[in-house]
Amino acid sequence: MTEMCYYEVLEVTKTCSSAELKKSYRKLAMKYHPDRNPDDKEAEETFKIVNEAYQVLSDEKKRNIYDRYGKAGLEGQGGMGGGFGGGNMDDVMDMFNSMFGGAGGGFGGGFGRTRRDPSQKYALDFEIELSLAFHEAVFGCEKKIDITYKTACNDCKGTGAKDAKLETCDYCQGQGQVLMRQGPMQFAQTCPKCQGQGKSVAENCHSCHGKGYHEEEDVVTVNIPAGVDTGNRLRAQGYGNEAKGGNRGDLYLTFHVEEDENFIRNGKDIYVEVPVFFTQAILGETLSIPALEGELDLELKQSTKDKEQYVFEGEGVADVHGGRKGRLVAQIRMILPKKINEEQRELLEKLQESYGVESSPHKSTFDSAFSRVKSWFN
């Protein structure tokens, strides 16, 4: 990734607006943030490069220099060194406060509310995916979830060291950070050996094998609100990993909603396909169709067309935040007979003849086309 240009790093085009740039940065920062990817060194490196790219491209002056001269043009301009410094740090921190800080709890809350203690060997918040049946997401439900969470090892006081004895880290000399260089770029990185503590383990704890924690099982009962959809998240406060002091972080549930055999969901709207025989569509008829809460009467008008839609307001899914329901949209799928017998053929031919000129619309449509084509060769 270090060989990619900053625009490729942020997955935007060279002509992108500042709003598009910020939107893409937020998405990538959320994806690669260390709190969401504990012990993932590759994600940590990507996160740093994403931040560096944004600091350059979000500054108009630096962006102009970069567009003209590339990375080399930024050397000495304050855009390539210092890791997370630069004129747009306030902008970056504002976004991080909104993305990772101060979440109030409940549905759709932020992730990673507190800055991780360097001596804490694991993040307190963690996330799992929860599958929901279609009806469970639409109407809401109560779910019992089996989870496994981490709790600090008492024998080593969460340090991972035998008898909690630590020594000054020989990799960073107790600084907790090391300077890394990638081509012309230089930035500070949390020491990979001591994880920023400035101290390292002399001998692993025999109880936890140096991990600093044990794993416990728990059962969480969660009330899922009506209207959740795939990708929505819910915070279960106090069901995350346990810190050395006894406090527990939060559990975040990301939903995956299973599809239904008949209903198709698009946000708050529900679509249902209604198969209709061609004679029903021509004559018109009242049909009973399934709805989320029972049945609805669909009054087919005469000469209903294939793929025509009938809309029922307030028969869709409740908005997860406001409760207002969307629409149910019934879409017609015309069914034609696959075979006809002689008697049916005769009846259909008589029916066609009874319509006269109207039964052969292609003739009036193509008469002028035939004449035009003939004139091309005269």
Protein backbone atom coordinates (compact mmCIF):
# COMPACT_ATOMS: atom_id res chain seq x y z
CA MET A 1 0.00 0.00 0.00
CA THR A 2 2.96 2.35 0.53
CA GLU A 3 3.51 2.48 -3.24
CA MET A 4 -0.02 3.69 -3.93
CA CYS A 5 -0.79 7.36 -4.44
CA TYR A 6 -2.74 9.22 -1.77
CA TYR A 7 -5.88 9.30 -3.91
CA GLU A 8 -5.74 5.51 -4.25
CA VAL A 9 -5.12 5.16 -0.52
CA LEU A 10 -8.35 7.06 0.19
CA GLU A 11 -10.23 5.38 -2.68
CA VAL A 12 -11.19 8.66 -4.36
CA THR A 13 -10.51 10.27 -7.73
CA LYS A 14 -8.12 13.15 -8.29
CA THR A 15 -11.08 15.47 -8.95
CA CYS A 16 -12.98 14.55 -5.77
CA SER A 17 -14.54 17.30 -3.64
CA SER A 18 -13.59 17.91 -0.01
CA ALA A 19 -16.91 16.38 1.07
CA GLU A 20 -16.21 13.19 -0.92
CA LEU A 21 -12.69 13.09 0.51
CA LYS A 22 -13.94 13.41 4.09
CA LYS A 23 -16.65 10.79 3.57
CA SER A 24 -14.18 8.23 2.21
CA TYR A 25 -11.68 9.01 4.99
CA ARG A 26 -14.30 8.45 7.69
CA LYS A 27 -15.23 5.08 6.18
CA LEU A 28 -11.62 3.89 5.97
CA ALA A 29 -10.69 5.23 9.42
CA MET A 30 -13.61 3.31 10.92
CA LYS A 31 -12.59 0.17 9.03
CA TYR A 32 -8.90 0.16 10.02
CA HIS A 33 -8.99 1.80 13.47
CA PRO A 34 -6.84 -0.20 15.97
CA ASP A 35 -9.70 -0.46 18.46
CA ARG A 36 -11.69 -2.38 15.85
CA ASN A 37 -8.69 -4.46 14.77
CA PRO A 38 -6.84 -5.42 17.95
CA ASP A 39 -3.46 -7.12 17.35
CA ASP A 40 -3.78 -6.61 13.58
CA LYS A 41 -0.50 -4.98 12.54
CA GLU A 42 -1.49 -4.69 8.89
CA ALA A 43 -4.67 -2.79 9.77
CA GLU A 44 -2.65 -0.53 12.08
CA GLU A 45 -0.19 0.34 9.31
CA THR A 46 -3.02 0.97 6.84
CA PHE A 47 -4.73 3.22 9.39
CA LYS A 48 -1.60 5.37 9.70
CA ILE A 49 -1.17 5.74 5.95
CA VAL A 50 -4.87 6.62 5.54
CA ASN A 51 -4.43 9.40 8.12
CA GLU A 52 -1.30 10.67 6.43
CA ALA A 53 -3.01 10.74 3.03
CA TYR A 54 -5.98 12.64 4.43
CA GLN A 55 -3.80 15.25 6.14
CA VAL A 56 -2.18 16.04 2.81
CA LEU A 57 -5.23 15.98 0.54
CA SER A 58 -7.51 17.84 2.96
CA ASP A 59 -5.09 20.78 3.02
CA GLU A 60 -5.58 22.80 -0.18
CA LYS A 61 -1.99 24.04 -0.33
CA LYS A 62 -0.46 20.61 0.30
CA ARG A 63 -2.87 19.01 -2.16
CA ASN A 64 -1.82 21.42 -4.92
CA ILE A 65 1.87 20.69 -4.27
CA TYR A 66 1.20 16.95 -4.21
CA ASP A 67 -0.77 17.10 -7.48
CA ARG A 68 2.11 18.90 -9.21
CA TYR A 69 5.19 17.29 -7.69
CA GLY A 70 4.05 14.17 -5.85
CA LYS A 71 5.37 13.10 -2.44
CA ALA A 72 8.82 14.52 -3.11
CA GLY A 73 7.36 18.01 -3.40
CA LEU A 74 6.02 17.82 0.14
CA GLU A 75 9.38 17.23 1.78
CA GLY A 76 10.11 20.22 3.94
CA GLN A 77 6.50 21.43 3.60
CA GLY A 78 5.29 19.80 6.82
CA GLY A 79 3.27 17.22 4.92
CA MET A 80 5.50 14.16 5.00
CA GLY A 81 6.98 13.99 8.48
CA GLY A 82 5.69 13.94 11.99
CA GLY A 83 3.14 11.19 11.56
CA PHE A 84 -0.08 12.84 12.71
CA GLY A 85 0.94 16.48 12.77
CA GLY A 86 -0.14 19.15 10.33
CA GLY A 87 -2.66 21.90 9.82
CA ASN A 88 -5.70 19.62 9.60
CA MET A 89 -5.24 17.84 12.90
CA ASP A 90 -8.25 19.63 14.40
CA ASP A 91 -10.37 18.38 11.54
CA VAL A 92 -9.08 14.84 12.02
CA MET A 93 -9.69 14.92 15.77
CA ASP A 94 -13.21 16.32 15.34
CA MET A 95 -14.04 13.37 13.14
CA PHE A 96 -12.50 10.89 15.57
CA ASN A 97 -14.47 12.37 18.45
CA SER A 98 -17.67 11.86 16.48
CA MET A 99 -16.72 8.38 15.25
CA PHE A 100 -15.04 6.82 18.27
CA GLY A 101 -15.75 9.01 21.25
CA GLY A 102 -18.58 9.85 23.60
CA ALA A 103 -21.27 7.49 22.34
CA GLY A 104 -24.40 7.82 24.39
CA GLY A 105 -25.47 4.20 24.18
CA GLY A 106 -28.40 2.38 22.65
CA PHE A 107 -29.06 1.83 18.96
CA GLY A 108 -26.45 3.02 16.48
CA GLY A 109 -23.94 4.22 19.10
CA GLY A 110 -20.27 4.91 18.39
CA PHE A 111 -17.51 2.34 18.71
CA GLY A 112 -14.58 2.56 21.11
CA ARG A 113 -15.85 5.21 23.51
CA THR A 114 -12.65 5.55 25.49
CA ARG A 115 -9.00 5.72 24.53
CA ARG A 116 -7.36 2.37 25.20
CA ASP A 117 -4.99 2.24 28.18
CA PRO A 118 -1.54 1.27 26.80
CA SER A 119 -1.16 -1.27 29.63
CA GLN A 120 -4.46 -2.90 28.66
CA LYS A 121 -3.60 -5.88 26.47
CA TYR A 122 -6.98 -6.01 24.75
CA ALA A 123 -9.73 -3.62 23.71
CA LEU A 124 -12.67 -3.42 26.11
CA ASP A 125 -15.27 -3.05 23.36
CA PHE A 126 -15.78 -5.79 20.82
CA GLU A 127 -18.18 -6.53 18.02
CA ILE A 128 -19.99 -9.64 16.77
CA GLU A 129 -22.33 -10.27 13.86
CA LEU A 130 -25.83 -11.44 14.73
CA SER A 131 -28.07 -13.11 12.15
CA LEU A 132 -31.77 -12.34 12.35
CA ALA A 133 -34.66 -14.00 10.58
CA PHE A 134 -36.62 -11.65 8.33
CA HIS A 135 -39.58 -11.39 10.70
CA GLU A 136 -37.32 -10.86 13.75
CA ALA A 137 -35.82 -7.76 12.14
CA VAL A 138 -39.18 -6.43 10.96
CA PHE A 139 -41.09 -6.83 14.22
CA GLY A 140 -38.27 -6.79 16.77
CA CYS A 141 -37.50 -9.61 19.18
CA GLU A 142 -35.62 -10.68 22.29
CA LYS A 143 -32.46 -12.69 21.67
CA LYS A 144 -30.26 -14.69 24.04
CA ILE A 145 -26.69 -14.60 22.75
CA ASP A 146 -23.77 -16.74 23.87
CA ILE A 147 -20.58 -14.67 24.02
CA THR A 148 -16.98 -15.13 25.10
CA TYR A 149 -15.32 -12.12 26.72
CA LYS A 150 -11.86 -11.41 28.12
CA THR A 151 -11.00 -10.73 31.74
CA ALA A 152 -7.62 -9.74 33.16
CA CYS A 153 -5.48 -12.52 34.59
CA ASN A 154 -5.27 -12.12 38.38
CA ASP A 155 -1.95 -13.97 38.70
CA CYS A 156 -0.08 -11.46 36.55
CA LYS A 157 -2.44 -8.49 37.10
CA GLY A 158 -3.09 -8.39 33.37
CA THR A 159 0.55 -7.82 32.45
CA GLY A 160 1.23 -11.25 30.96
CA ALA A 161 4.43 -11.45 33.05
CA LYS A 162 5.20 -13.97 35.76
CA ASP A 163 4.49 -12.36 39.16
CA ALA A 164 3.72 -9.16 37.21
CA LYS A 165 7.43 -8.43 36.83
CA LEU A 166 8.24 -6.18 33.87
CA GLU A 167 11.54 -4.77 32.64
CA THR A 168 12.38 -1.77 30.48
CA CYS A 169 11.68 -2.60 26.85
CA ASP A 170 14.97 -3.02 24.99
CA TYR A 171 13.30 -2.32 21.63
CA CYS A 172 12.09 1.23 22.33
CA GLN A 173 14.33 1.89 25.38
CA GLY A 174 11.28 2.55 27.51
CA GLN A 175 9.83 5.25 25.22
CA GLY A 176 6.77 3.26 24.16
CA GLN A 177 7.23 4.46 20.56
CA VAL A 178 9.64 3.84 17.72
CA LEU A 179 10.29 5.89 14.59
CA MET A 180 9.47 4.07 11.38
CA ARG A 181 10.43 5.07 7.85
CA GLN A 182 8.75 4.00 4.63
CA GLY A 183 10.49 5.58 1.67
CA PRO A 184 10.43 9.33 2.22
CA MET A 185 7.76 9.01 4.95
CA GLN A 186 8.66 8.93 8.64
CA PHE A 187 6.23 8.55 11.50
CA ALA A 188 6.05 7.46 15.13
CA GLN A 189 4.59 4.04 15.80
CA THR A 190 3.56 2.30 18.99
CA CYS A 191 6.34 -0.08 19.97
CA PRO A 192 5.34 -3.53 18.65
CA LYS A 193 7.19 -5.33 21.45
CA CYS A 194 5.79 -3.58 24.52
CA GLN A 195 2.57 -2.22 22.94
CA GLY A 196 3.42 1.31 24.07
CA GLN A 197 4.00 0.50 27.74
CA GLY A 198 7.76 1.08 27.67
CA LYS A 199 8.15 -2.19 29.56
CA SER A 200 8.34 -5.76 28.34
CA VAL A 201 7.75 -9.19 29.80
CA ALA A 202 10.80 -10.95 31.20
CA GLU A 203 9.02 -14.29 31.65
CA ASN A 204 5.52 -15.23 30.59
CA CYS A 205 2.83 -15.81 33.19
CA HIS A 206 2.15 -19.56 33.45
CA SER A 207 -1.54 -19.03 34.16
CA CYS A 208 -2.43 -17.06 31.02
CA HIS A 209 0.64 -18.03 28.94
CA GLY A 210 1.63 -14.38 28.58
CA LYS A 211 -1.67 -13.18 27.12
CA GLY A 212 -2.61 -11.17 30.20
CA TYR A 213 -6.20 -12.40 30.17
CA HIS A 214 -8.50 -15.38 30.45
CA GLU A 215 -11.72 -15.94 28.53
CA GLU A 216 -15.10 -16.27 30.17
CA GLU A 217 -18.48 -17.30 28.74
CA ASP A 218 -21.64 -15.31 29.25
CA VAL A 219 -25.23 -15.16 28.01
CA VAL A 220 -26.56 -11.77 26.96
CA THR A 221 -30.27 -11.04 26.60
CA VAL A 222 -30.85 -8.22 24.12
CA ASN A 223 -34.06 -6.56 22.99
CA ILE A 224 -33.84 -5.95 19.23
CA PRO A 225 -35.99 -2.96 18.14
CA ALA A 226 -38.42 -3.35 15.25
CA GLY A 227 -37.10 -2.20 11.90
CA VAL A 228 -33.39 -3.04 12.12
CA ASP A 229 -31.70 -3.93 8.85
CA THR A 230 -28.49 -5.52 7.62
CA GLY A 231 -25.51 -3.37 8.65
CA ASN A 232 -27.28 -1.68 11.58
CA ARG A 233 -25.52 -1.87 14.95
CA LEU A 234 -26.77 -2.05 18.50
CA ARG A 235 -24.71 -1.41 21.63
CA ALA A 236 -25.18 -3.73 24.60
CA GLN A 237 -23.67 -1.63 27.37
CA GLY A 238 -21.52 -3.41 29.93
CA TYR A 239 -21.21 -6.72 28.06
CA GLY A 240 -17.76 -6.19 26.55
CA ASN A 241 -14.35 -7.31 27.82
CA GLU A 242 -13.48 -6.72 31.47
CA ALA A 243 -10.70 -4.30 32.41
CA LYS A 244 -8.14 -4.86 35.16
CA GLY A 245 -10.20 -2.66 37.47
CA GLY A 246 -13.33 -4.73 36.95
CA ASN A 247 -15.22 -2.41 34.58
CA ARG A 248 -16.57 -3.97 31.43
CA GLY A 249 -16.64 -2.40 27.99
CA ASP A 250 -19.51 -2.67 25.54
CA LEU A 251 -20.64 -5.32 23.12
CA TYR A 252 -21.62 -4.14 19.63
CA LEU A 253 -24.00 -6.25 17.59
CA THR A 254 -23.93 -5.86 13.81
CA PHE A 255 -27.02 -7.33 12.20
CA HIS A 256 -27.33 -9.55 9.16
CA VAL A 257 -30.97 -10.01 8.16
CA GLU A 258 -31.93 -13.15 6.25
CA GLU A 259 -34.01 -12.88 3.10
CA ASP A 260 -37.66 -13.93 2.90
CA GLU A 261 -39.15 -16.24 0.29
CA ASN A 262 -41.86 -13.77 -0.78
CA PHE A 263 -41.04 -10.35 0.60
CA ILE A 264 -38.16 -8.20 -0.62
CA ARG A 265 -37.07 -5.35 1.62
CA ASN A 266 -35.67 -2.00 0.52
CA GLY A 267 -35.20 0.18 3.59
CA LYS A 268 -38.69 0.73 5.03
CA ASP A 269 -40.45 -0.47 1.89
CA ILE A 270 -41.53 -4.05 1.24
CA TYR A 271 -41.99 -5.47 -2.25
CA VAL A 272 -44.05 -8.52 -3.09
CA GLU A 273 -44.43 -10.03 -6.54
CA VAL A 274 -48.00 -10.98 -7.47
CA PRO A 275 -48.39 -13.60 -10.23
CA VAL A 276 -51.48 -12.82 -12.31
CA PHE A 277 -52.89 -14.90 -15.19
CA PHE A 278 -53.35 -12.85 -18.35
CA THR A 279 -57.15 -13.18 -18.28
CA GLN A 280 -57.22 -11.80 -14.71
CA ALA A 281 -55.14 -8.83 -15.83
CA ILE A 282 -57.47 -8.17 -18.78
CA LEU A 283 -60.76 -8.56 -16.91
CA GLY A 284 -59.72 -7.11 -13.54
CA GLU A 285 -60.23 -8.95 -10.28
CA THR A 286 -59.86 -8.55 -6.52
CA LEU A 287 -57.01 -10.67 -5.13
CA SER A 288 -55.92 -11.43 -1.56
CA ILE A 289 -52.17 -10.86 -1.18
CA PRO A 290 -49.89 -11.45 1.82
CA ALA A 291 -48.81 -8.45 3.90
CA LEU A 292 -46.50 -8.16 6.90
CA GLU A 293 -49.41 -8.28 9.31
CA GLY A 294 -51.91 -10.46 7.48
CA GLU A 295 -53.66 -9.96 4.14
CA LEU A 296 -54.56 -7.09 1.85
CA ASP A 297 -57.11 -6.83 -0.95
CA LEU A 298 -55.54 -5.91 -4.27
CA GLU A 299 -58.10 -4.63 -6.77
CA LEU A 300 -56.73 -5.26 -10.23
CA LYS A 301 -57.96 -2.68 -12.68
CA GLN A 302 -58.91 -3.84 -16.15
CA SER A 303 -56.00 -4.23 -18.58
CA THR A 304 -53.38 -4.26 -15.82
CA LYS A 305 -49.90 -4.34 -17.35
CA ASP A 306 -46.96 -6.60 -16.58
CA LYS A 307 -44.71 -5.14 -13.84
CA GLU A 308 -47.37 -2.57 -12.91
CA GLN A 309 -47.19 -1.61 -9.24
CA TYR A 310 -49.89 -1.14 -6.63
CA VAL A 311 -48.80 0.81 -3.55
CA PHE A 312 -50.16 0.40 0.00
CA GLU A 313 -48.99 3.21 2.29
CA GLY A 314 -48.15 2.39 5.90
CA GLU A 315 -47.90 -1.37 5.29
CA GLY A 316 -44.11 -1.54 5.21
CA VAL A 317 -41.45 -1.74 7.94
CA ALA A 318 -41.36 0.63 10.91
CA ASP A 319 -38.48 3.11 10.94
CA VAL A 320 -36.06 1.93 13.61
CA HIS A 321 -35.66 5.48 14.93
CA GLY A 322 -39.04 7.14 14.41
CA GLY A 323 -41.48 4.24 14.08
CA ARG A 324 -43.15 5.54 10.91
CA LYS A 325 -43.89 2.69 8.51
CA GLY A 326 -42.94 2.53 4.87
CA ARG A 327 -44.93 1.15 1.93
CA LEU A 328 -45.87 -2.26 0.67
CA VAL A 329 -45.46 -2.36 -3.11
CA ALA A 330 -47.21 -5.17 -4.99
CA GLN A 331 -45.69 -5.70 -8.45
CA ILE A 332 -47.60 -7.65 -11.08
CA ARG A 333 -45.96 -10.57 -12.87
CA MET A 334 -47.99 -11.54 -15.91
CA ILE A 335 -48.45 -15.29 -16.42
CA LEU A 336 -49.17 -16.55 -19.96
CA PRO A 337 -50.37 -20.09 -20.70
CA LYS A 338 -47.55 -22.46 -21.60
CA LYS A 339 -49.82 -24.66 -23.76
CA ILE A 340 -53.27 -24.33 -25.25
CA ASN A 341 -55.57 -27.02 -26.61
CA GLU A 342 -57.65 -26.77 -29.80
CA GLU A 343 -60.76 -25.54 -28.02
CA GLN A 344 -58.77 -22.80 -26.26
CA ARG A 345 -57.12 -21.81 -29.56
CA GLU A 346 -60.50 -21.40 -31.26
CA LEU A 347 -61.82 -19.32 -28.39
CA LEU A 348 -58.74 -17.09 -28.43
CA GLU A 349 -58.93 -16.64 -32.21
CA LYS A 350 -62.60 -15.65 -31.93
CA LEU A 351 -61.70 -13.22 -29.15
CA GLN A 352 -58.96 -11.70 -31.29
CA GLU A 353 -61.26 -11.33 -34.29
CA SER A 354 -63.86 -9.60 -32.13
CA TYR A 355 -61.41 -6.74 -31.50
CA GLY A 356 -61.02 -6.01 -35.20
CA VAL A 357 -58.22 -3.60 -36.12
CA GLU A 358 -57.34 -3.16 -32.43
CA SER A 359 -56.15 -6.77 -32.29
CA SER A 360 -53.32 -6.11 -34.80
CA PRO A 361 -51.52 -3.02 -33.46
CA HIS A 362 -48.29 -3.94 -35.26
CA LYS A 363 -49.89 -3.26 -38.67
CA SER A 364 -50.61 0.42 -38.11
CA THR A 365 -47.30 0.84 -36.30
CA PHE A 366 -45.14 -0.64 -39.07
CA ASP A 367 -47.01 0.50 -42.22
CA SER A 368 -44.95 3.68 -42.49
CA ALA A 369 -41.75 1.78 -41.72
CA PHE A 370 -42.38 -0.70 -44.56
CA SER A 371 -43.01 2.15 -47.02
CA ARG A 372 -39.88 3.96 -45.90
CA VAL A 373 -37.69 0.88 -46.30
CA LYS A 374 -39.05 0.24 -49.83
CA SER A 375 -38.31 3.85 -50.84
CA TRP A 376 -34.65 3.36 -49.96
CA PHE A 377 -34.25 0.95 -52.89
CA ASN A 378 -36.33 2.81 -55.53
